[in-house]
Amino acid sequence: MEDHIQDIENQTPEAENTGMQQPEGRKKPNWLSRILGGEVLQSRAVLRQVPLVVMLCFYAILLVYNRYRVEDLTKERAATLERITYLREARIELQKRYQESIKISQIAEMLEGTGIGITAGPPFELVVDGMDEMLK
């Protein structure tokens, strides 16, 4: 009886043989297990590409940095142009006020009541005794 039990244990059922086995020419794809297990990172093809990947990462960081820097400079330029426009308008307004206040007709009107008056001719030279000796 023991011989019979051993024969049964050694035999495999035919259902298992036909349904579970895969053909020998086809292998089960194990790319997912290779990636998750880290085998891919140890292959020579990947290790040769590490400098390229590092360079691409550096360029990507540089590209992002440049974008933010240009954006900041553009905002700063817009603010500066706005300030320049404001200052030009303020200068024109002040110049207008100043020109209005210095018109000769207005000055003449202000001086009429004081008796000073405005001279119509050129200024005259003051002669001081002994000035020639001091300048030498």
Protein backbone atom coordinates (compact mmCIF):
# COMPACT_ATOMS: atom_id res chain seq x y z
CA MET A 1 0.00 0.00 0.00
CA GLU A 2 2.85 2.35 0.71
CA ASP A 3 4.16 1.74 -2.77
CA HIS A 4 0.84 2.75 -4.20
CA ILE A 5 0.75 6.00 -2.19
CA GLN A 6 4.26 6.90 -3.28
CA ASP A 7 3.33 6.28 -6.90
CA ILE A 8 0.34 8.63 -6.55
CA GLU A 9 2.45 11.35 -4.92
CA ASN A 10 5.13 11.14 -7.60
CA GLN A 11 2.61 11.37 -10.39
CA THR A 12 1.35 14.78 -11.41
CA PRO A 13 -2.20 15.16 -12.55
CA GLU A 14 -2.67 15.69 -16.24
CA ALA A 15 -4.78 18.82 -15.67
CA GLU A 16 -1.83 20.51 -14.04
CA ASN A 17 0.53 19.52 -16.83
CA THR A 18 -1.63 20.80 -19.67
CA GLY A 19 -3.11 23.98 -18.18
CA MET A 20 -0.28 25.39 -16.05
CA GLN A 21 2.80 24.96 -18.13
CA GLN A 22 3.84 27.58 -20.66
CA PRO A 23 5.48 26.79 -23.96
CA GLU A 24 9.23 26.74 -23.71
CA GLY A 25 9.76 29.29 -26.50
CA ARG A 26 7.81 32.07 -24.72
CA LYS A 27 9.02 33.59 -21.48
CA LYS A 28 6.92 35.51 -19.01
CA PRO A 29 7.71 39.26 -19.27
CA ASN A 30 9.56 40.24 -16.15
CA TRP A 31 10.36 43.88 -16.97
CA LEU A 32 8.22 45.11 -14.08
CA SER A 33 10.03 42.91 -11.60
CA ARG A 34 13.37 44.06 -13.04
CA ILE A 35 12.45 47.74 -12.60
CA LEU A 36 11.06 47.30 -9.09
CA GLY A 37 13.94 45.06 -8.05
CA GLY A 38 16.59 47.54 -9.19
CA GLU A 39 18.18 45.28 -11.79
CA VAL A 40 17.67 47.88 -14.49
CA LEU A 41 19.74 50.46 -12.63
CA GLN A 42 22.67 48.06 -12.42
CA SER A 43 22.87 47.29 -16.13
CA ARG A 44 25.79 48.76 -18.10
CA ALA A 45 23.56 50.47 -20.65
CA VAL A 46 21.87 52.51 -17.92
CA LEU A 47 25.11 53.25 -16.07
CA ARG A 48 26.64 54.65 -19.27
CA GLN A 49 23.74 57.09 -19.60
CA VAL A 50 24.04 58.53 -16.06
CA PRO A 51 26.14 61.57 -17.15
CA LEU A 52 23.58 62.38 -19.84
CA VAL A 53 20.72 62.16 -17.34
CA VAL A 54 22.59 64.40 -14.89
CA MET A 55 23.25 66.94 -17.65
CA LEU A 56 19.58 66.90 -18.72
CA CYS A 57 18.49 67.44 -15.10
CA PHE A 58 20.91 70.37 -14.81
CA TYR A 59 19.53 71.91 -18.02
CA ALA A 60 15.96 71.44 -16.81
CA ILE A 61 16.76 73.23 -13.53
CA LEU A 62 18.52 75.99 -15.46
CA LEU A 63 15.53 76.37 -17.78
CA VAL A 64 13.10 76.71 -14.87
CA TYR A 65 15.40 79.19 -13.11
CA ASN A 66 15.71 81.31 -16.27
CA ARG A 67 11.95 81.39 -16.70
CA TYR A 68 11.38 82.68 -13.17
CA ARG A 69 14.25 85.17 -13.49
CA VAL A 70 12.88 86.58 -16.76
CA GLU A 71 9.43 86.82 -15.21
CA ASP A 72 10.85 88.80 -12.26
CA LEU A 73 12.80 91.09 -14.60
CA THR A 74 9.71 91.68 -16.72
CA LYS A 75 7.68 92.68 -13.65
CA GLU A 76 10.49 94.96 -12.48
CA ARG A 77 10.73 96.56 -15.93
CA ALA A 78 6.98 97.20 -16.02
CA ALA A 79 7.10 98.82 -12.57
CA THR A 80 10.09 100.97 -13.62
CA LEU A 81 8.35 102.11 -16.81
CA GLU A 82 5.29 103.03 -14.77
CA ARG A 83 7.44 105.09 -12.38
CA ILE A 84 9.18 106.80 -15.31
CA THR A 85 5.82 107.74 -16.81
CA TYR A 86 4.65 109.12 -13.47
CA LEU A 87 7.86 111.13 -13.02
CA ARG A 88 7.63 112.57 -16.54
CA GLU A 89 4.06 113.69 -15.88
CA ALA A 90 5.10 115.22 -12.55
CA ARG A 91 8.04 117.02 -14.20
CA ILE A 92 5.82 118.46 -16.91
CA GLU A 93 3.32 119.65 -14.31
CA LEU A 94 6.03 121.28 -12.18
CA GLN A 95 7.61 122.87 -15.25
CA LYS A 96 4.24 124.27 -16.25
CA ARG A 97 3.70 125.77 -12.79
CA TYR A 98 7.23 127.21 -12.76
CA GLN A 99 6.83 128.77 -16.22
CA GLU A 100 3.52 130.29 -15.22
CA SER A 101 5.06 131.82 -12.13
CA ILE A 102 8.00 133.41 -14.01
CA LYS A 103 6.18 135.10 -16.84
CA ILE A 104 7.43 138.66 -17.14
CA SER A 105 3.93 140.04 -17.31
CA GLN A 106 3.04 138.48 -13.99
CA ILE A 107 6.26 139.71 -12.41
CA ALA A 108 5.58 143.21 -13.73
CA GLU A 109 2.08 143.11 -12.26
CA MET A 110 3.51 142.08 -8.88
CA LEU A 111 6.15 144.83 -8.94
CA GLU A 112 3.77 147.61 -9.98
CA GLY A 113 2.61 148.30 -6.46
CA THR A 114 6.12 148.31 -4.98
CA GLY A 115 7.58 150.98 -7.24
CA ILE A 116 10.59 148.89 -8.22
CA GLY A 117 9.71 148.30 -11.87
CA ILE A 118 11.47 146.24 -14.51
CA THR A 119 14.42 147.66 -16.43
CA ALA A 120 14.04 147.63 -20.15
CA GLY A 121 17.74 147.98 -20.99
CA PRO A 122 20.78 145.86 -20.40
CA PRO A 123 22.48 145.88 -16.99
CA PHE A 124 25.19 148.42 -16.42
CA GLU A 125 28.72 148.01 -15.14
CA LEU A 126 29.60 149.10 -11.62
CA VAL A 127 32.92 150.84 -11.34
CA VAL A 128 34.68 150.47 -8.02
CA ASP A 129 37.89 152.39 -7.25
CA GLY A 130 40.90 150.10 -6.71
CA MET A 131 39.19 146.98 -8.17
CA ASP A 132 41.80 146.60 -10.90
CA GLU A 133 44.58 146.41 -8.34
CA MET A 134 42.75 143.74 -6.35
CA LEU A 135 42.19 141.52 -9.39
CA LYS A 136 45.88 141.58 -10.35
